[in-house]
Amino acid sequence: MTASAKDKNFKLLYDLEGSVQERIEKIGKIMYGADKVEFSELAQKKVDMYTKQGLGNLPICIAKT
Protein backbone atom coordinates (compact mmCIF):
# COMPACT_ATOMS: atom_id res chain seq x y z
CA MET A 1 0.00 0.00 0.00
CA THR A 2 1.37 3.43 -0.90
CA ALA A 3 1.66 6.14 1.72
CA SER A 4 -0.95 8.26 -0.05
CA ALA A 5 -3.50 5.44 0.24
CA LYS A 6 -3.11 5.00 4.01
CA ASP A 7 -5.46 6.55 6.55
CA LYS A 8 -4.49 10.06 7.55
CA ASN A 9 -4.72 10.91 11.23
CA PHE A 10 -3.01 14.29 11.07
CA LYS A 11 -3.95 16.86 13.69
CA LEU A 12 -2.30 20.04 14.91
CA LEU A 13 -0.87 20.17 18.43
CA TYR A 14 -2.72 23.43 19.06
CA ASP A 15 -5.93 25.29 18.29
CA LEU A 16 -5.72 28.07 15.71
CA GLU A 17 -7.52 30.35 18.18
CA GLY A 18 -4.51 30.88 20.47
CA SER A 19 -1.89 33.57 20.03
CA VAL A 20 1.26 32.85 18.04
CA GLN A 21 3.25 32.80 21.29
CA GLU A 22 0.84 30.32 22.91
CA ARG A 23 0.95 28.02 19.89
CA ILE A 24 4.76 28.10 19.68
CA GLU A 25 4.99 27.43 23.41
CA LYS A 26 2.68 24.44 23.08
CA ILE A 27 4.81 23.02 20.24
CA GLY A 28 7.96 23.55 22.30
CA LYS A 29 6.53 21.82 25.34
CA ILE A 30 4.71 18.93 23.69
CA MET A 31 6.98 18.15 20.76
CA TYR A 32 10.40 19.10 22.12
CA GLY A 33 9.92 18.71 25.89
CA ALA A 34 10.75 22.33 26.71
CA ASP A 35 10.00 23.69 30.19
CA LYS A 36 9.37 27.15 28.75
CA VAL A 37 9.82 29.15 25.58
CA GLU A 38 11.45 32.57 25.50
CA PHE A 39 11.28 35.00 22.58
CA SER A 40 14.21 37.25 21.77
CA GLU A 41 13.40 40.90 21.19
CA LEU A 42 13.79 40.41 17.43
CA ALA A 43 11.57 37.31 17.40
CA GLN A 44 8.85 39.15 19.37
CA LYS A 45 8.99 42.10 16.95
CA LYS A 46 8.53 39.72 14.01
CA VAL A 47 5.62 37.93 15.71
CA ASP A 48 3.99 41.33 16.36
CA MET A 49 4.58 42.45 12.75
CA TYR A 50 3.12 39.27 11.24
CA THR A 51 0.14 39.44 13.58
CA LYS A 52 -0.53 43.08 12.60
CA GLN A 53 -0.35 42.03 8.92
CA GLY A 54 -3.20 39.59 9.55
CA LEU A 55 -1.04 36.46 9.47
CA GLY A 56 -1.45 35.56 13.15
CA ASN A 57 -3.92 32.74 12.55
CA LEU A 58 -1.81 30.78 10.07
CA PRO A 59 -0.48 27.38 11.13
CA ILE A 60 2.97 27.38 12.78
CA CYS A 61 5.81 25.43 11.23
CA ILE A 62 9.03 25.04 13.21
CA ALA A 63 12.21 23.75 11.59
CA LYS A 64 14.69 22.32 14.06
CA THR A 65 18.23 22.22 12.73
PDB file of N, CA and C in Angstrom:
ATOM      1  N   MET A   1       0.853  -1.178   0.000  1.00  0.00           N
ATOM      2  CA  MET A   1       0.000   0.000   0.000  1.00  0.00           C
ATOM      3  C   MET A   1       0.896   1.237   0.000  1.00  0.00           C
ATOM      4  N   THR A   2       0.596   2.198  -0.853  1.00  0.00           N
ATOM      5  CA  THR A   2       1.374   3.429  -0.904  1.00  0.00           C
ATOM      6  C   THR A   2       0.992   4.342   0.254  1.00  0.00           C
ATOM      7  N   ALA A   3       1.907   5.220   0.598  1.00  0.00           N
ATOM      8  CA  ALA A   3       1.663   6.135   1.719  1.00  0.00           C
ATOM      9  C   ALA A   3       0.434   7.005   1.477  1.00  0.00           C
ATOM     10  N   SER A   4       0.207   7.393   0.240  1.00  0.00           N
ATOM     11  CA  SER A   4      -0.945   8.262  -0.054  1.00  0.00           C
ATOM     12  C   SER A   4      -2.279   7.538   0.092  1.00  0.00           C
ATOM     13  N   ALA A   5      -2.262   6.209   0.102  1.00  0.00           N
ATOM     14  CA  ALA A   5      -3.499   5.437   0.235  1.00  0.00           C
ATOM     15  C   ALA A   5      -3.822   5.096   1.689  1.00  0.00           C
ATOM     16  N   LYS A   6      -2.895   5.336   2.597  1.00  0.00           N
ATOM     17  CA  LYS A   6      -3.107   5.004   4.009  1.00  0.00           C
ATOM     18  C   LYS A   6      -4.010   6.034   4.678  1.00  0.00           C
ATOM     19  N   ASP A   7      -4.650   5.619   5.766  1.00  0.00           N
ATOM     20  CA  ASP A   7      -5.464   6.548   6.552  1.00  0.00           C
ATOM     21  C   ASP A   7      -4.604   7.693   7.052  1.00  0.00           C
ATOM     22  N   LYS A   8      -5.200   8.868   7.089  1.00  0.00           N
ATOM     23  CA  LYS A   8      -4.486  10.060   7.549  1.00  0.00           C
ATOM     24  C   LYS A   8      -5.075  10.496   8.880  1.00  0.00           C
ATOM     25  N   ASN A   9      -4.267  10.510   9.892  1.00  0.00           N
ATOM     26  CA  ASN A   9      -4.717  10.907  11.228  1.00  0.00           C
ATOM     27  C   ASN A   9      -4.025  12.178  11.681  1.00  0.00           C
ATOM     28  N   PHE A  10      -3.728  13.063  10.745  1.00  0.00           N
ATOM     29  CA  PHE A  10      -3.012  14.291  11.065  1.00  0.00           C
ATOM     30  C   PHE A  10      -3.882  15.217  11.897  1.00  0.00           C
ATOM     31  N   LYS A  11      -3.280  15.800  12.927  1.00  0.00           N
ATOM     32  CA  LYS A  11      -3.945  16.856  13.691  1.00  0.00           C
ATOM     33  C   LYS A  11      -2.869  17.785  14.249  1.00  0.00           C
ATOM     34  N   LEU A  12      -3.219  19.052  14.352  1.00  0.00           N
ATOM     35  CA  LEU A  12      -2.301  20.036  14.909  1.00  0.00           C
ATOM     36  C   LEU A  12      -2.183  19.839  16.420  1.00  0.00           C
ATOM     37  N   LEU A  13      -1.066  20.254  16.979  1.00  0.00           N
ATOM     38  CA  LEU A  13      -0.867  20.173  18.426  1.00  0.00           C
ATOM     39  C   LEU A  13      -1.614  21.278  19.170  1.00  0.00           C
ATOM     40  N   TYR A  14      -2.138  22.239  18.445  1.00  0.00           N
ATOM     41  CA  TYR A  14      -2.717  23.432  19.061  1.00  0.00           C
ATOM     42  C   TYR A  14      -3.965  23.855  18.303  1.00  0.00           C
ATOM     43  N   ASP A  15      -4.775  24.685  18.948  1.00  0.00           N
ATOM     44  CA  ASP A  15      -5.929  25.291  18.289  1.00  0.00           C
ATOM     45  C   ASP A  15      -5.467  26.542  17.556  1.00  0.00           C
ATOM     46  N   LEU A  16      -6.085  26.857  16.449  1.00  0.00           N
ATOM     47  CA  LEU A  16      -5.722  28.067  15.707  1.00  0.00           C
ATOM     48  C   LEU A  16      -6.216  29.334  16.394  1.00  0.00           C
ATOM     49  N   GLU A  17      -6.966  29.199  17.457  1.00  0.00           N
ATOM     50  CA  GLU A  17      -7.518  30.347  18.178  1.00  0.00           C
ATOM     51  C   GLU A  17      -6.495  31.015  19.087  1.00  0.00           C
ATOM     52  N   GLY A  18      -5.483  30.314  19.545  1.00  0.00           N
ATOM     53  CA  GLY A  18      -4.508  30.877  20.469  1.00  0.00           C
ATOM     54  C   GLY A  18      -3.575  31.860  19.784  1.00  0.00           C
ATOM     55  N   SER A  19      -2.850  32.628  20.588  1.00  0.00           N
ATOM     56  CA  SER A  19      -1.885  33.566  20.028  1.00  0.00           C
ATOM     57  C   SER A  19      -0.708  32.798  19.433  1.00  0.00           C
ATOM     58  N   VAL A  20       0.077  33.470  18.632  1.00  0.00           N
ATOM     59  CA  VAL A  20       1.262  32.853  18.039  1.00  0.00           C
ATOM     60  C   VAL A  20       2.186  32.359  19.150  1.00  0.00           C
ATOM     61  N   GLN A  21       2.383  33.172  20.179  1.00  0.00           N
ATOM     62  CA  GLN A  21       3.251  32.799  21.287  1.00  0.00           C
ATOM     63  C   GLN A  21       2.735  31.545  21.993  1.00  0.00           C
ATOM     64  N   GLU A  22       1.424  31.480  22.233  1.00  0.00           N
ATOM     65  CA  GLU A  22       0.835  30.320  22.908  1.00  0.00           C
ATOM     66  C   GLU A  22       1.017  29.055  22.067  1.00  0.00           C
ATOM     67  N   ARG A  23       0.833  29.185  20.766  1.00  0.00           N
ATOM     68  CA  ARG A  23       0.952  28.023  19.893  1.00  0.00           C
ATOM     69  C   ARG A  23       2.398  27.547  19.803  1.00  0.00           C
ATOM     70  N   ILE A  24       3.344  28.475  19.715  1.00  0.00           N
ATOM     71  CA  ILE A  24       4.761  28.103  19.678  1.00  0.00           C
ATOM     72  C   ILE A  24       5.169  27.464  20.999  1.00  0.00           C
ATOM     73  N   GLU A  25       4.685  28.006  22.101  1.00  0.00           N
ATOM     74  CA  GLU A  25       4.990  27.428  23.415  1.00  0.00           C
ATOM     75  C   GLU A  25       4.450  26.004  23.525  1.00  0.00           C
ATOM     76  N   LYS A  26       3.260  25.782  23.026  1.00  0.00           N
ATOM     77  CA  LYS A  26       2.679  24.443  23.078  1.00  0.00           C
ATOM     78  C   LYS A  26       3.513  23.456  22.250  1.00  0.00           C
ATOM     79  N   ILE A  27       3.948  23.870  21.067  1.00  0.00           N
ATOM     80  CA  ILE A  27       4.809  23.021  20.240  1.00  0.00           C
ATOM     81  C   ILE A  27       6.104  22.710  20.983  1.00  0.00           C
ATOM     82  N   GLY A  28       6.714  23.737  21.563  1.00  0.00           N
ATOM     83  CA  GLY A  28       7.963  23.550  22.301  1.00  0.00           C
ATOM     84  C   GLY A  28       7.824  22.570  23.448  1.00  0.00           C
ATOM     85  N   LYS A  29       6.734  22.678  24.176  1.00  0.00           N
ATOM     86  CA  LYS A  29       6.527  21.818  25.340  1.00  0.00           C
ATOM     87  C   LYS A  29       6.142  20.394  24.955  1.00  0.00           C
ATOM     88  N   ILE A  30       5.198  20.258  24.039  1.00  0.00           N
ATOM     89  CA  ILE A  30       4.705  18.928  23.691  1.00  0.00           C
ATOM     90  C   ILE A  30       5.689  18.178  22.787  1.00  0.00           C
ATOM     91  N   MET A  31       6.155  18.838  21.752  1.00  0.00           N
ATOM     92  CA  MET A  31       6.981  18.147  20.761  1.00  0.00           C
ATOM     93  C   MET A  31       8.443  18.027  21.182  1.00  0.00           C
ATOM     94  N   TYR A  32       8.969  19.075  21.815  1.00  0.00           N
ATOM     95  CA  TYR A  32      10.396  19.102  22.124  1.00  0.00           C
ATOM     96  C   TYR A  32      10.709  18.966  23.612  1.00  0.00           C
ATOM     97  N   GLY A  33       9.699  18.902  24.465  1.00  0.00           N
ATOM     98  CA  GLY A  33       9.916  18.706  25.888  1.00  0.00           C
ATOM     99  C   GLY A  33      10.468  19.915  26.617  1.00  0.00           C
ATOM    100  N   ALA A  34      10.242  21.106  26.084  1.00  0.00           N
ATOM    101  CA  ALA A  34      10.749  22.330  26.712  1.00  0.00           C
ATOM    102  C   ALA A  34       9.980  22.641  27.991  1.00  0.00           C
ATOM    103  N   ASP A  35      10.668  23.205  28.977  1.00  0.00           N
ATOM    104  CA  ASP A  35      10.001  23.686  30.189  1.00  0.00           C
ATOM    105  C   ASP A  35       9.296  25.009  29.924  1.00  0.00           C
ATOM    106  N   LYS A  36       9.943  25.861  29.125  1.00  0.00           N
ATOM    107  CA  LYS A  36       9.365  27.151  28.750  1.00  0.00           C
ATOM    108  C   LYS A  36       9.969  27.594  27.433  1.00  0.00           C
ATOM    109  N   VAL A  37       9.346  28.585  26.839  1.00  0.00           N
ATOM    110  CA  VAL A  37       9.815  29.151  25.581  1.00  0.00           C
ATOM    111  C   VAL A  37      10.012  30.644  25.788  1.00  0.00           C
ATOM    112  N   GLU A  38      11.160  31.137  25.397  1.00  0.00           N
ATOM    113  CA  GLU A  38      11.451  32.570  25.503  1.00  0.00           C
ATOM    114  C   GLU A  38      11.655  33.136  24.099  1.00  0.00           C
ATOM    115  N   PHE A  39      11.154  34.326  23.874  1.00  0.00           N
ATOM    116  CA  PHE A  39      11.283  34.997  22.584  1.00  0.00           C
ATOM    117  C   PHE A  39      12.310  36.124  22.704  1.00  0.00           C
ATOM    118  N   SER A  40      13.261  36.140  21.801  1.00  0.00           N
ATOM    119  CA  SER A  40      14.206  37.250  21.773  1.00  0.00           C
ATOM    120  C   SER A  40      13.436  38.510  21.375  1.00  0.00           C
ATOM    121  N   GLU A  41      14.052  39.640  21.559  1.00  0.00           N
ATOM    122  CA  GLU A  41      13.396  40.901  21.187  1.00  0.00           C
ATOM    123  C   GLU A  41      13.078  40.911  19.695  1.00  0.00           C
ATOM    124  N   LEU A  42      14.008  40.445  18.875  1.00  0.00           N
ATOM    125  CA  LEU A  42      13.789  40.410  17.428  1.00  0.00           C
ATOM    126  C   LEU A  42      12.652  39.458  17.072  1.00  0.00           C
ATOM    127  N   ALA A  43      12.636  38.279  17.680  1.00  0.00           N
ATOM    128  CA  ALA A  43      11.570  37.312  17.403  1.00  0.00           C
ATOM    129  C   ALA A  43      10.206  37.881  17.787  1.00  0.00           C
ATOM    130  N   GLN A  44      10.115  38.563  18.930  1.00  0.00           N
ATOM    131  CA  GLN A  44       8.846  39.145  19.365  1.00  0.00           C
ATOM    132  C   GLN A  44       8.399  40.240  18.403  1.00  0.00           C
ATOM    133  N   LYS A  45       9.340  41.050  17.920  1.00  0.00           N
ATOM    134  CA  LYS A  45       8.992  42.098  16.948  1.00  0.00           C
ATOM    135  C   LYS A  45       8.429  41.484  15.671  1.00  0.00           C
ATOM    136  N   LYS A  46       9.026  40.378  15.219  1.00  0.00           N
ATOM    137  CA  LYS A  46       8.534  39.715  14.008  1.00  0.00           C
ATOM    138  C   LYS A  46       7.153  39.116  14.232  1.00  0.00           C
ATOM    139  N   VAL A  47       6.931  38.484  15.382  1.00  0.00           N
ATOM    140  CA  VAL A  47       5.616  37.932  15.707  1.00  0.00           C
ATOM    141  C   VAL A  47       4.584  39.063  15.696  1.00  0.00           C
ATOM    142  N   ASP A  48       4.909  40.183  16.317  1.00  0.00           N
ATOM    143  CA  ASP A  48       3.994  41.328  16.362  1.00  0.00           C
ATOM    144  C   ASP A  48       3.705  41.857  14.955  1.00  0.00           C
ATOM    145  N   MET A  49       4.745  41.939  14.118  1.00  0.00           N
ATOM    146  CA  MET A  49       4.585  42.447  12.754  1.00  0.00           C
ATOM    147  C   MET A  49       3.683  41.519  11.940  1.00  0.00           C
ATOM    148  N   TYR A  50       3.935  40.220  12.002  1.00  0.00           N
ATOM    149  CA  TYR A  50       3.120  39.270  11.238  1.00  0.00           C
ATOM    150  C   TYR A  50       1.677  39.273  11.724  1.00  0.00           C
ATOM    151  N   THR A  51       1.484  39.398  13.024  1.00  0.00           N
ATOM    152  CA  THR A  51       0.137  39.439  13.577  1.00  0.00           C
ATOM    153  C   THR A  51      -0.597  40.685  13.078  1.00  0.00           C
ATOM    154  N   LYS A  52       0.085  41.835  13.077  1.00  0.00           N
ATOM    155  CA  LYS A  52      -0.532  43.078  12.602  1.00  0.00           C
ATOM    156  C   LYS A  52      -0.866  43.008  11.112  1.00  0.00           C
ATOM    157  N   GLN A  53      -0.111  42.192  10.363  1.00  0.00           N
ATOM    158  CA  GLN A  53      -0.354  42.031   8.925  1.00  0.00           C
ATOM    159  C   GLN A  53      -1.489  41.046   8.651  1.00  0.00           C
ATOM    160  N   GLY A  54      -2.093  40.503   9.702  1.00  0.00           N
ATOM    161  CA  GLY A  54      -3.203  39.585   9.546  1.00  0.00           C
ATOM    162  C   GLY A  54      -2.793  38.132   9.366  1.00  0.00           C
ATOM    163  N   LEU A  55      -1.542  37.819   9.664  1.00  0.00           N
ATOM    164  CA  LEU A  55      -1.041  36.465   9.472  1.00  0.00           C
ATOM    165  C   LEU A  55      -0.997  35.656  10.769  1.00  0.00           C
ATOM    166  N   GLY A  56      -1.544  36.186  11.840  1.00  0.00           N
ATOM    167  CA  GLY A  56      -1.447  35.559  13.148  1.00  0.00           C
ATOM    168  C   GLY A  56      -2.207  34.259  13.311  1.00  0.00           C
ATOM    169  N   ASN A  57      -3.133  33.968  12.417  1.00  0.00           N
ATOM    170  CA  ASN A  57      -3.918  32.736  12.549  1.00  0.00           C
ATOM    171  C   ASN A  57      -3.448  31.621  11.624  1.00  0.00           C
ATOM    172  N   LEU A  58      -2.334  31.839  10.924  1.00  0.00           N
ATOM    173  CA  LEU A  58      -1.808  30.784  10.069  1.00  0.00           C
ATOM    174  C   LEU A  58      -1.179  29.689  10.900  1.00  0.00           C
ATOM    175  N   PRO A  59      -1.143  28.464  10.397  1.00  0.00           N
ATOM    176  CA  PRO A  59      -0.485  27.381  11.133  1.00  0.00           C
ATOM    177  C   PRO A  59       1.009  27.679  11.338  1.00  0.00           C
ATOM    178  N   ILE A  60       1.558  27.183  12.432  1.00  0.00           N
ATOM    179  CA  ILE A  60       2.966  27.382  12.780  1.00  0.00           C
ATOM    180  C   ILE A  60       3.781  26.193  12.290  1.00  0.00           C
ATOM    181  N   CYS A  61       4.895  26.469  11.655  1.00  0.00           N
ATOM    182  CA  CYS A  61       5.814  25.425  11.232  1.00  0.00           C
ATOM    183  C   CYS A  61       7.176  25.752  11.832  1.00  0.00           C
ATOM    184  N   ILE A  62       7.741  24.822  12.577  1.00  0.00           N
ATOM    185  CA  ILE A  62       9.034  25.041  13.209  1.00  0.00           C
ATOM    186  C   ILE A  62      10.034  24.059  12.623  1.00  0.00           C
ATOM    187  N   ALA A  63      11.142  24.591  12.132  1.00  0.00           N
ATOM    188  CA  ALA A  63      12.215  23.748  11.593  1.00  0.00           C
ATOM    189  C   ALA A  63      13.330  23.683  12.618  1.00  0.00           C
ATOM    190  N   LYS A  64      13.628  22.506  13.078  1.00  0.00           N
ATOM    191  CA  LYS A  64      14.691  22.315  14.060  1.00  0.00           C
ATOM    192  C   LYS A  64      15.929  21.833  13.319  1.00  0.00           C
ATOM    193  N   THR A  65      17.000  22.597  13.430  1.00  0.00           N
ATOM    194  CA  THR A  65      18.233  22.218  12.729  1.00  0.00           C
ATOM    195  C   THR A  65      19.333  21.893  13.706  1.00  0.00           C
TER     196      THR A  65
END
